[in-house]
Structure formats: structure tokens, C-alpha cells
């Protein structure tokens, strides 16, 4: 997803706190996260979590999929952060209740 708008994103290094948030959320097998998830993971105010999400997006570690919802871009995405999750994972994060049929 990192190059969907035609602009390649080069990943930048993480601060200790950013790395802590991503590793905690990823260890819970979370692919799609919200601002609240970041705030809860680090026990920080929502404003700080929102700022961190923006910084992680700019650094190439998160991809915004909806207002307040982000896809964690795994290490497997490479240095240019080119990755997309399965469409069912994204759909289930965007719409509740949700049902996908054949």
C-alpha cells in the first residue's frame, strides 16, 4: 500500500516509544489498529496517540485506511513499505457488523 498514490515511501527509523507501540500491537496479531489501540497500548492520552499515528504514517510504518484506522505495515513490506493486507481483513476493520459471502 505504500506506493498506491505513485509516490514511493522510504521507511524511517522508529523512536523507542514508537517501536514499543508497534511491537506490542503486532504481538497481539493486530493488523488494523485505531488511535485508541495506540493510546491503550502505551497508556498515553488520545492526542499523543494521534500524533504518534501520524508520525508512524509519515515514517512508512502505518498506512491510513480510514479516519482513525491504520494498517500496520510489517517488516516483510520491505524498505519501501509496499504491502497490502487481504481485503477481508481491511473490510472487517471498516464495517461492523460485517458479512462476506461468496
PDB file of N, CA and C in Angstrom:
ATOM      1  N   UNK A   1       0.806  -1.203   0.000  1.00  0.00           N
ATOM      2  CA  UNK A   1       0.000   0.000   0.000  1.00  0.00           C
ATOM      3  C   UNK A   1       0.845   1.261   0.000  1.00  0.00           C
ATOM      4  N   UNK A   2       2.099   1.142   0.306  1.00  0.00           N
ATOM      5  CA  UNK A   2       2.910   2.325   0.425  1.00  0.00           C
ATOM      6  C   UNK A   2       3.070   3.120  -0.855  1.00  0.00           C
ATOM      7  N   UNK A   3       2.818   2.507  -1.993  1.00  0.00           N
ATOM      8  CA  UNK A   3       3.008   3.228  -3.245  1.00  0.00           C
ATOM      9  C   UNK A   3       1.710   3.361  -4.035  1.00  0.00           C
ATOM     10  N   UNK A   4       0.558   3.310  -3.384  1.00  0.00           N
ATOM     11  CA  UNK A   4      -0.708   3.360  -4.097  1.00  0.00           C
ATOM     12  C   UNK A   4      -0.943   4.681  -4.801  1.00  0.00           C
ATOM     13  N   UNK A   5      -0.379   5.764  -4.306  1.00  0.00           N
ATOM     14  CA  UNK A   5      -0.582   7.056  -4.956  1.00  0.00           C
ATOM     15  C   UNK A   5       0.577   7.412  -5.886  1.00  0.00           C
ATOM     16  N   UNK A   6       1.424   6.432  -6.194  1.00  0.00           N
ATOM     17  CA  UNK A   6       2.514   6.656  -7.124  1.00  0.00           C
ATOM     18  C   UNK A   6       3.778   7.217  -6.498  1.00  0.00           C
ATOM     19  N   UNK A   7       3.765   7.469  -5.204  1.00  0.00           N
ATOM     20  CA  UNK A   7       4.920   8.019  -4.509  1.00  0.00           C
ATOM     21  C   UNK A   7       5.511   6.928  -3.630  1.00  0.00           C
ATOM     22  N   UNK A   8       6.774   6.612  -3.848  1.00  0.00           N
ATOM     23  CA  UNK A   8       7.446   5.621  -3.024  1.00  0.00           C
ATOM     24  C   UNK A   8       7.763   6.213  -1.655  1.00  0.00           C
ATOM     25  N   UNK A   9       7.491   5.457  -0.609  1.00  0.00           N
ATOM     26  CA  UNK A   9       7.771   5.894   0.755  1.00  0.00           C
ATOM     27  C   UNK A   9       8.964   5.101   1.259  1.00  0.00           C
ATOM     28  N   UNK A  10       9.997   5.770   1.650  1.00  0.00           N
ATOM     29  CA  UNK A  10      11.166   5.129   2.243  1.00  0.00           C
ATOM     30  C   UNK A  10      10.973   5.129   3.753  1.00  0.00           C
ATOM     31  N   UNK A  11      11.034   3.973   4.370  1.00  0.00           N
ATOM     32  CA  UNK A  11      10.833   3.875   5.816  1.00  0.00           C
ATOM     33  C   UNK A  11      11.921   4.617   6.561  1.00  0.00           C
ATOM     34  N   UNK A  12      11.516   5.213   7.652  1.00  0.00           N
ATOM     35  CA  UNK A  12      12.449   5.912   8.533  1.00  0.00           C
ATOM     36  C   UNK A  12      12.500   5.188   9.863  1.00  0.00           C
ATOM     37  N   UNK A  13      13.525   5.448  10.648  1.00  0.00           N
ATOM     38  CA  UNK A  13      13.716   4.743  11.910  1.00  0.00           C
ATOM     39  C   UNK A  13      12.651   5.124  12.927  1.00  0.00           C
ATOM     40  N   UNK A  14      12.441   4.225  13.871  1.00  0.00           N
ATOM     41  CA  UNK A  14      11.437   4.399  14.919  1.00  0.00           C
ATOM     42  C   UNK A  14      12.070   4.892  16.209  1.00  0.00           C
ATOM     43  N   UNK A  15      11.321   5.684  16.949  1.00  0.00           N
ATOM     44  CA  UNK A  15      11.756   6.038  18.296  1.00  0.00           C
ATOM     45  C   UNK A  15      11.497   4.818  19.186  1.00  0.00           C
ATOM     46  N   UNK A  16      12.041   4.816  20.368  1.00  0.00           N
ATOM     47  CA  UNK A  16      11.840   3.705  21.299  1.00  0.00           C
ATOM     48  C   UNK A  16      10.360   3.517  21.602  1.00  0.00           C
ATOM     49  N   UNK A  17       9.661   4.604  21.815  1.00  0.00           N
ATOM     50  CA  UNK A  17       8.233   4.540  22.150  1.00  0.00           C
ATOM     51  C   UNK A  17       7.401   4.043  20.964  1.00  0.00           C
ATOM     52  N   UNK A  18       7.734   4.475  19.772  1.00  0.00           N
ATOM     53  CA  UNK A  18       7.031   4.007  18.575  1.00  0.00           C
ATOM     54  C   UNK A  18       7.257   2.507  18.372  1.00  0.00           C
ATOM     55  N   UNK A  19       8.497   2.072  18.546  1.00  0.00           N
ATOM     56  CA  UNK A  19       8.817   0.653  18.410  1.00  0.00           C
ATOM     57  C   UNK A  19       8.071  -0.167  19.454  1.00  0.00           C
ATOM     58  N   UNK A  20       7.977   0.358  20.650  1.00  0.00           N
ATOM     59  CA  UNK A  20       7.265  -0.319  21.727  1.00  0.00           C
ATOM     60  C   UNK A  20       5.784  -0.478  21.377  1.00  0.00           C
ATOM     61  N   UNK A  21       5.167   0.572  20.866  1.00  0.00           N
ATOM     62  CA  UNK A  21       3.749   0.521  20.494  1.00  0.00           C
ATOM     63  C   UNK A  21       3.516  -0.494  19.378  1.00  0.00           C
ATOM     64  N   UNK A  22       4.317  -0.428  18.318  1.00  0.00           N
ATOM     65  CA  UNK A  22       4.133  -1.346  17.194  1.00  0.00           C
ATOM     66  C   UNK A  22       4.385  -2.793  17.590  1.00  0.00           C
ATOM     67  N   UNK A  23       5.416  -3.034  18.369  1.00  0.00           N
ATOM     68  CA  UNK A  23       5.713  -4.413  18.756  1.00  0.00           C
ATOM     69  C   UNK A  23       4.624  -4.967  19.674  1.00  0.00           C
ATOM     70  N   UNK A  24       4.095  -4.155  20.563  1.00  0.00           N
ATOM     71  CA  UNK A  24       3.026  -4.607  21.453  1.00  0.00           C
ATOM     72  C   UNK A  24       1.768  -4.946  20.653  1.00  0.00           C
ATOM     73  N   UNK A  25       1.385  -4.076  19.726  1.00  0.00           N
ATOM     74  CA  UNK A  25       0.177  -4.305  18.932  1.00  0.00           C
ATOM     75  C   UNK A  25       0.361  -5.471  17.964  1.00  0.00           C
ATOM     76  N   UNK A  26       1.519  -5.571  17.343  1.00  0.00           N
ATOM     77  CA  UNK A  26       1.784  -6.670  16.410  1.00  0.00           C
ATOM     78  C   UNK A  26       1.856  -8.011  17.140  1.00  0.00           C
ATOM     79  N   UNK A  27       2.344  -8.015  18.380  1.00  0.00           N
ATOM     80  CA  UNK A  27       2.421  -9.264  19.144  1.00  0.00           C
ATOM     81  C   UNK A  27       1.035  -9.800  19.487  1.00  0.00           C
ATOM     82  N   UNK A  28       0.026  -8.941  19.425  1.00  0.00           N
ATOM     83  CA  UNK A  28      -1.360  -9.347  19.642  1.00  0.00           C
ATOM     84  C   UNK A  28      -2.020  -9.758  18.320  1.00  0.00           C
ATOM     85  N   UNK A  29      -1.198  -9.932  17.282  1.00  0.00           N
ATOM     86  CA  UNK A  29      -1.653 -10.300  15.935  1.00  0.00           C
ATOM     87  C   UNK A  29      -2.649  -9.295  15.363  1.00  0.00           C
ATOM     88  N   UNK A  30      -2.445  -8.029  15.671  1.00  0.00           N
ATOM     89  CA  UNK A  30      -3.296  -6.965  15.148  1.00  0.00           C
ATOM     90  C   UNK A  30      -2.700  -6.480  13.841  1.00  0.00           C
ATOM     91  N   UNK A  31      -3.501  -6.414  12.795  1.00  0.00           N
ATOM     92  CA  UNK A  31      -3.052  -5.855  11.526  1.00  0.00           C
ATOM     93  C   UNK A  31      -3.622  -4.466  11.323  1.00  0.00           C
ATOM     94  N   UNK A  32      -4.847  -4.267  11.775  1.00  0.00           N
ATOM     95  CA  UNK A  32      -5.506  -2.971  11.678  1.00  0.00           C
ATOM     96  C   UNK A  32      -5.699  -2.447  13.087  1.00  0.00           C
ATOM     97  N   UNK A  33      -5.252  -1.199  13.310  1.00  0.00           N
ATOM     98  CA  UNK A  33      -5.329  -0.610  14.643  1.00  0.00           C
ATOM     99  C   UNK A  33      -6.007   0.751  14.572  1.00  0.00           C
ATOM    100  N   UNK A  34      -6.390   1.248  15.731  1.00  0.00           N
ATOM    101  CA  UNK A  34      -7.003   2.566  15.825  1.00  0.00           C
ATOM    102  C   UNK A  34      -6.157   3.449  16.739  1.00  0.00           C
ATOM    103  N   UNK A  35      -6.509   4.713  16.785  1.00  0.00           N
ATOM    104  CA  UNK A  35      -5.839   5.656  17.687  1.00  0.00           C
ATOM    105  C   UNK A  35      -5.992   5.171  19.130  1.00  0.00           C
ATOM    106  N   UNK A  36      -7.178   4.673  19.463  1.00  0.00           N
ATOM    107  CA  UNK A  36      -7.441   4.173  20.814  1.00  0.00           C
ATOM    108  C   UNK A  36      -6.547   2.990  21.166  1.00  0.00           C
ATOM    109  N   UNK A  37      -6.265   2.140  20.190  1.00  0.00           N
ATOM    110  CA  UNK A  37      -5.383   0.995  20.424  1.00  0.00           C
ATOM    111  C   UNK A  37      -3.979   1.466  20.802  1.00  0.00           C
ATOM    112  N   UNK A  38      -3.493   2.482  20.122  1.00  0.00           N
ATOM    113  CA  UNK A  38      -2.167   3.030  20.438  1.00  0.00           C
ATOM    114  C   UNK A  38      -2.178   3.644  21.835  1.00  0.00           C
ATOM    115  N   UNK A  39      -3.230   4.410  22.130  1.00  0.00           N
ATOM    116  CA  UNK A  39      -3.342   5.045  23.452  1.00  0.00           C
ATOM    117  C   UNK A  39      -3.377   3.992  24.561  1.00  0.00           C
ATOM    118  N   UNK A  40      -4.134   2.919  24.340  1.00  0.00           N
ATOM    119  CA  UNK A  40      -4.240   1.865  25.351  1.00  0.00           C
ATOM    120  C   UNK A  40      -2.935   1.084  25.495  1.00  0.00           C
ATOM    121  N   UNK A  41      -2.257   0.820  24.378  1.00  0.00           N
ATOM    122  CA  UNK A  41      -1.017   0.036  24.405  1.00  0.00           C
ATOM    123  C   UNK A  41       0.071   0.731  25.217  1.00  0.00           C
ATOM    124  N   UNK A  42       0.122   2.056  25.133  1.00  0.00           N
ATOM    125  CA  UNK A  42       1.177   2.801  25.829  1.00  0.00           C
ATOM    126  C   UNK A  42       0.677   3.567  27.052  1.00  0.00           C
ATOM    127  N   UNK A  43      -0.642   3.519  27.276  1.00  0.00           N
ATOM    128  CA  UNK A  43      -1.257   4.263  28.374  1.00  0.00           C
ATOM    129  C   UNK A  43      -0.900   5.752  28.274  1.00  0.00           C
ATOM    130  N   UNK A  44      -1.214   6.315  27.103  1.00  0.00           N
ATOM    131  CA  UNK A  44      -0.948   7.728  26.827  1.00  0.00           C
ATOM    132  C   UNK A  44      -2.256   8.411  26.434  1.00  0.00           C
ATOM    133  N   UNK A  45      -2.312   9.749  26.509  1.00  0.00           N
ATOM    134  CA  UNK A  45      -3.527  10.463  26.080  1.00  0.00           C
ATOM    135  C   UNK A  45      -3.808  10.271  24.590  1.00  0.00           C
ATOM    136  N   UNK A  46      -5.070  10.404  24.232  1.00  0.00           N
ATOM    137  CA  UNK A  46      -5.502  10.226  22.839  1.00  0.00           C
ATOM    138  C   UNK A  46      -4.777  11.188  21.889  1.00  0.00           C
ATOM    139  N   UNK A  47      -4.556  12.407  22.303  1.00  0.00           N
ATOM    140  CA  UNK A  47      -3.862  13.399  21.463  1.00  0.00           C
ATOM    141  C   UNK A  47      -2.443  12.922  21.136  1.00  0.00           C
ATOM    142  N   UNK A  48      -1.753  12.393  22.138  1.00  0.00           N
ATOM    143  CA  UNK A  48      -0.396  11.868  21.916  1.00  0.00           C
ATOM    144  C   UNK A  48      -0.426  10.665  20.980  1.00  0.00           C
ATOM    145  N   UNK A  49      -1.440   9.805  21.134  1.00  0.00           N
ATOM    146  CA  UNK A  49      -1.577   8.633  20.275  1.00  0.00           C
ATOM    147  C   UNK A  49      -1.858   9.058  18.835  1.00  0.00           C
ATOM    148  N   UNK A  50      -2.664  10.098  18.665  1.00  0.00           N
ATOM    149  CA  UNK A  50      -2.963  10.610  17.328  1.00  0.00           C
ATOM    150  C   UNK A  50      -1.697  11.160  16.672  1.00  0.00           C
ATOM    151  N   UNK A  51      -0.901  11.895  17.426  1.00  0.00           N
ATOM    152  CA  UNK A  51       0.363  12.422  16.918  1.00  0.00           C
ATOM    153  C   UNK A  51       1.316  11.293  16.538  1.00  0.00           C
ATOM    154  N   UNK A  52       1.342  10.234  17.365  1.00  0.00           N
ATOM    155  CA  UNK A  52       2.219   9.098  17.089  1.00  0.00           C
ATOM    156  C   UNK A  52       1.765   8.371  15.824  1.00  0.00           C
ATOM    157  N   UNK A  53       0.471   8.195  15.656  1.00  0.00           N
ATOM    158  CA  UNK A  53      -0.044   7.530  14.457  1.00  0.00           C
ATOM    159  C   UNK A  53       0.351   8.322  13.213  1.00  0.00           C
ATOM    160  N   UNK A  54       0.230   9.641  13.284  1.00  0.00           N
ATOM    161  CA  UNK A  54       0.619  10.479  12.146  1.00  0.00           C
ATOM    162  C   UNK A  54       2.118  10.313  11.852  1.00  0.00           C
ATOM    163  N   UNK A  55       2.934  10.328  12.903  1.00  0.00           N
ATOM    164  CA  UNK A  55       4.381  10.176  12.726  1.00  0.00           C
ATOM    165  C   UNK A  55       4.716   8.809  12.128  1.00  0.00           C
ATOM    166  N   UNK A  56       4.063   7.763  12.604  1.00  0.00           N
ATOM    167  CA  UNK A  56       4.306   6.419  12.082  1.00  0.00           C
ATOM    168  C   UNK A  56       3.859   6.300  10.624  1.00  0.00           C
ATOM    169  N   UNK A  57       2.806   6.986  10.271  1.00  0.00           N
ATOM    170  CA  UNK A  57       2.347   7.009   8.883  1.00  0.00           C
ATOM    171  C   UNK A  57       3.392   7.700   8.003  1.00  0.00           C
ATOM    172  N   UNK A  58       3.886   8.833   8.459  1.00  0.00           N
ATOM    173  CA  UNK A  58       4.890   9.578   7.698  1.00  0.00           C
ATOM    174  C   UNK A  58       6.200   8.808   7.569  1.00  0.00           C
ATOM    175  N   UNK A  59       6.522   7.986   8.560  1.00  0.00           N
ATOM    176  CA  UNK A  59       7.760   7.204   8.543  1.00  0.00           C
ATOM    177  C   UNK A  59       7.623   5.907   7.753  1.00  0.00           C
ATOM    178  N   UNK A  60       6.396   5.582   7.299  1.00  0.00           N
ATOM    179  CA  UNK A  60       6.200   4.392   6.492  1.00  0.00           C
ATOM    180  C   UNK A  60       5.900   3.131   7.273  1.00  0.00           C
ATOM    181  N   UNK A  61       5.461   3.236   8.509  1.00  0.00           N
ATOM    182  CA  UNK A  61       5.154   2.069   9.336  1.00  0.00           C
ATOM    183  C   UNK A  61       3.664   1.810   9.462  1.00  0.00           C
ATOM    184  N   UNK A  62       2.840   2.796   9.162  1.00  0.00           N
ATOM    185  CA  UNK A  62       1.383   2.643   9.162  1.00  0.00           C
ATOM    186  C   UNK A  62       0.838   3.182   7.845  1.00  0.00           C
ATOM    187  N   UNK A  63      -0.276   2.623   7.404  1.00  0.00           N
ATOM    188  CA  UNK A  63      -0.999   3.120   6.239  1.00  0.00           C
ATOM    189  C   UNK A  63      -2.407   3.448   6.704  1.00  0.00           C
ATOM    190  N   UNK A  64      -2.856   4.658   6.453  1.00  0.00           N
ATOM    191  CA  UNK A  64      -4.197   5.066   6.869  1.00  0.00           C
ATOM    192  C   UNK A  64      -5.216   4.455   5.909  1.00  0.00           C
ATOM    193  N   UNK A  65      -6.192   3.717   6.472  1.00  0.00           N
ATOM    194  CA  UNK A  65      -7.213   3.101   5.628  1.00  0.00           C
ATOM    195  C   UNK A  65      -8.580   3.760   5.829  1.00  0.00           C
ATOM    196  N   UNK A  66      -8.742   4.482   6.916  1.00  0.00           N
ATOM    197  CA  UNK A  66      -9.962   5.246   7.197  1.00  0.00           C
ATOM    198  C   UNK A  66      -9.617   6.213   8.321  1.00  0.00           C
ATOM    199  N   UNK A  67     -10.517   7.142   8.591  1.00  0.00           N
ATOM    200  CA  UNK A  67     -10.245   8.104   9.653  1.00  0.00           C
ATOM    201  C   UNK A  67     -10.071   7.362  10.976  1.00  0.00           C
ATOM    202  N   UNK A  68      -8.888   7.497  11.559  1.00  0.00           N
ATOM    203  CA  UNK A  68      -8.591   6.880  12.848  1.00  0.00           C
ATOM    204  C   UNK A  68      -8.257   5.405  12.787  1.00  0.00           C
ATOM    205  N   UNK A  69      -8.170   4.810  11.594  1.00  0.00           N
ATOM    206  CA  UNK A  69      -7.846   3.385  11.447  1.00  0.00           C
ATOM    207  C   UNK A  69      -6.635   3.238  10.532  1.00  0.00           C
ATOM    208  N   UNK A  70      -5.709   2.398  10.975  1.00  0.00           N
ATOM    209  CA  UNK A  70      -4.444   2.241  10.271  1.00  0.00           C
ATOM    210  C   UNK A  70      -4.083   0.772  10.111  1.00  0.00           C
ATOM    211  N   UNK A  71      -3.415   0.461   9.015  1.00  0.00           N
ATOM    212  CA  UNK A  71      -2.873  -0.860   8.756  1.00  0.00           C
ATOM    213  C   UNK A  71      -1.406  -0.844   9.173  1.00  0.00           C
ATOM    214  N   UNK A  72      -1.000  -1.803  10.007  1.00  0.00           N
ATOM    215  CA  UNK A  72       0.413  -1.917  10.376  1.00  0.00           C
ATOM    216  C   UNK A  72       1.144  -2.550   9.195  1.00  0.00           C
ATOM    217  N   UNK A  73       2.160  -1.869   8.701  1.00  0.00           N
ATOM    218  CA  UNK A  73       2.964  -2.396   7.593  1.00  0.00           C
ATOM    219  C   UNK A  73       4.097  -3.229   8.183  1.00  0.00           C
ATOM    220  N   UNK A  74       4.089  -4.541   7.963  1.00  0.00           N
ATOM    221  CA  UNK A  74       5.082  -5.416   8.583  1.00  0.00           C
ATOM    222  C   UNK A  74       6.472  -5.241   7.982  1.00  0.00           C
ATOM    223  N   UNK A  75       7.449  -5.809   8.657  1.00  0.00           N
ATOM    224  CA  UNK A  75       8.821  -5.764   8.153  1.00  0.00           C
ATOM    225  C   UNK A  75       8.921  -6.408   6.772  1.00  0.00           C
ATOM    226  N   UNK A  76       8.073  -7.381   6.509  1.00  0.00           N
ATOM    227  CA  UNK A  76       8.078  -8.059   5.213  1.00  0.00           C
ATOM    228  C   UNK A  76       7.734  -7.115   4.065  1.00  0.00           C
ATOM    229  N   UNK A  77       7.203  -5.948   4.372  1.00  0.00           N
ATOM    230  CA  UNK A  77       6.858  -4.977   3.333  1.00  0.00           C
ATOM    231  C   UNK A  77       8.105  -4.371   2.697  1.00  0.00           C
ATOM    232  N   UNK A  78       9.250  -4.546   3.325  1.00  0.00           N
ATOM    233  CA  UNK A  78      10.498  -4.037   2.767  1.00  0.00           C
ATOM    234  C   UNK A  78      10.738  -2.574   3.087  1.00  0.00           C
ATOM    235  N   UNK A  79      11.855  -2.052   2.596  1.00  0.00           N
ATOM    236  CA  UNK A  79      12.236  -0.687   2.935  1.00  0.00           C
ATOM    237  C   UNK A  79      11.334   0.367   2.312  1.00  0.00           C
ATOM    238  N   UNK A  80      10.631   0.023   1.228  1.00  0.00           N
ATOM    239  CA  UNK A  80       9.718   0.979   0.598  1.00  0.00           C
ATOM    240  C   UNK A  80       8.278   0.823   1.070  1.00  0.00           C
ATOM    241  N   UNK A  81       8.045  -0.056   2.039  1.00  0.00           N
ATOM    242  CA  UNK A  81       6.736  -0.249   2.661  1.00  0.00           C
ATOM    243  C   UNK A  81       5.633  -0.527   1.649  1.00  0.00           C
ATOM    244  N   UNK A  82       5.900  -1.439   0.711  1.00  0.00           N
ATOM    245  CA  UNK A  82       4.897  -1.816  -0.272  1.00  0.00           C
ATOM    246  C   UNK A  82       4.229  -3.094   0.231  1.00  0.00           C
ATOM    247  N   UNK A  83       2.962  -2.977   0.629  1.00  0.00           N
ATOM    248  CA  UNK A  83       2.254  -4.090   1.248  1.00  0.00           C
ATOM    249  C   UNK A  83       0.766  -3.791   1.261  1.00  0.00           C
ATOM    250  N   UNK A  84      -0.025  -4.831   1.199  1.00  0.00           N
ATOM    251  CA  UNK A  84      -1.456  -4.697   1.459  1.00  0.00           C
ATOM    252  C   UNK A  84      -1.940  -5.972   2.125  1.00  0.00           C
ATOM    253  N   UNK A  85      -2.827  -5.809   3.076  1.00  0.00           N
ATOM    254  CA  UNK A  85      -3.426  -6.956   3.753  1.00  0.00           C
ATOM    255  C   UNK A  85      -4.543  -7.505   2.885  1.00  0.00           C
ATOM    256  N   UNK A  86      -4.972  -8.697   3.203  1.00  0.00           N
ATOM    257  CA  UNK A  86      -6.091  -9.295   2.486  1.00  0.00           C
ATOM    258  C   UNK A  86      -7.309  -8.386   2.620  1.00  0.00           C
ATOM    259  N   UNK A  87      -8.060  -8.265   1.537  1.00  0.00           N
ATOM    260  CA  UNK A  87      -9.196  -7.330   1.539  1.00  0.00           C
ATOM    261  C   UNK A  87     -10.235  -7.649   2.602  1.00  0.00           C
ATOM    262  N   UNK A  88     -10.353  -8.917   3.030  1.00  0.00           N
ATOM    263  CA  UNK A  88     -11.309  -9.256   4.079  1.00  0.00           C
ATOM    264  C   UNK A  88     -10.866  -8.692   5.429  1.00  0.00           C
ATOM    265  N   UNK A  89      -9.566  -8.644   5.671  1.00  0.00           N
ATOM    266  CA  UNK A  89      -9.051  -8.069   6.917  1.00  0.00           C
ATOM    267  C   UNK A  89      -9.392  -6.588   6.980  1.00  0.00           C
ATOM    268  N   UNK A  90      -9.171  -5.894   5.896  1.00  0.00           N
ATOM    269  CA  UNK A  90      -9.469  -4.463   5.847  1.00  0.00           C
ATOM    270  C   UNK A  90     -10.971  -4.228   5.938  1.00  0.00           C
ATOM    271  N   UNK A  91     -11.756  -5.014   5.201  1.00  0.00           N
ATOM    272  CA  UNK A  91     -13.217  -4.850   5.232  1.00  0.00           C
ATOM    273  C   UNK A  91     -13.771  -5.060   6.630  1.00  0.00           C
ATOM    274  N   UNK A  92     -13.271  -6.058   7.334  1.00  0.00           N
ATOM    275  CA  UNK A  92     -13.783  -6.334   8.681  1.00  0.00           C
ATOM    276  C   UNK A  92     -13.429  -5.222   9.661  1.00  0.00           C
ATOM    277  N   UNK A  93     -12.368  -4.490   9.385  1.00  0.00           N
ATOM    278  CA  UNK A  93     -11.982  -3.377  10.255  1.00  0.00           C
ATOM    279  C   UNK A  93     -12.778  -2.113   9.956  1.00  0.00           C
ATOM    280  N   UNK A  94     -13.320  -2.010   8.760  1.00  0.00           N
ATOM    281  CA  UNK A  94     -14.024  -0.794   8.353  1.00  0.00           C
ATOM    282  C   UNK A  94     -15.523  -0.840   8.597  1.00  0.00           C
ATOM    283  N   UNK A  95     -16.112  -2.021   8.546  1.00  0.00           N
ATOM    284  CA  UNK A  95     -17.570  -2.131   8.626  1.00  0.00           C
ATOM    285  C   UNK A  95     -17.962  -3.141   9.694  1.00  0.00           C
ATOM    286  N   UNK A  96     -18.808  -2.709  10.616  1.00  0.00           N
ATOM    287  CA  UNK A  96     -19.344  -3.610  11.636  1.00  0.00           C
ATOM    288  C   UNK A  96     -20.828  -3.363  11.778  1.00  0.00           C
ATOM    289  N   UNK A  97     -21.673  -4.356  11.886  1.00  0.00           N
ATOM    290  CA  UNK A  97     -21.366  -5.770  11.681  1.00  0.00           C
ATOM    291  C   UNK A  97     -21.055  -6.028  10.217  1.00  0.00           C
ATOM    292  N   UNK A  98     -20.385  -7.152   9.964  1.00  0.00           N
ATOM    293  CA  UNK A  98     -19.892  -7.416   8.639  1.00  0.00           C
ATOM    294  C   UNK A  98     -20.140  -8.870   8.275  1.00  0.00           C
ATOM    295  N   UNK A  99     -20.435  -9.086   7.019  1.00  0.00           N
ATOM    296  CA  UNK A  99     -20.587 -10.442   6.485  1.00  0.00           C
ATOM    297  C   UNK A  99     -20.058 -10.428   5.062  1.00  0.00           C
ATOM    298  N   UNK A 100     -19.229 -11.392   4.758  1.00  0.00           N
ATOM    299  CA  UNK A 100     -18.716 -11.531   3.389  1.00  0.00           C
ATOM    300  C   UNK A 100     -19.126 -12.902   2.893  1.00  0.00           C
ATOM    301  N   UNK A 101     -19.823 -12.944   1.769  1.00  0.00           N
ATOM    302  CA  UNK A 101     -20.272 -14.207   1.195  1.00  0.00           C
ATOM    303  C   UNK A 101     -19.614 -14.446  -0.147  1.00  0.00           C
ATOM    304  N   UNK A 102     -19.907 -15.572  -0.711  1.00  0.00           N
ATOM    305  CA  UNK A 102     -19.309 -15.920  -1.995  1.00  0.00           C
ATOM    306  C   UNK A 102     -19.939 -15.107  -3.089  1.00  0.00           C
TER     307      UNK A 102
END
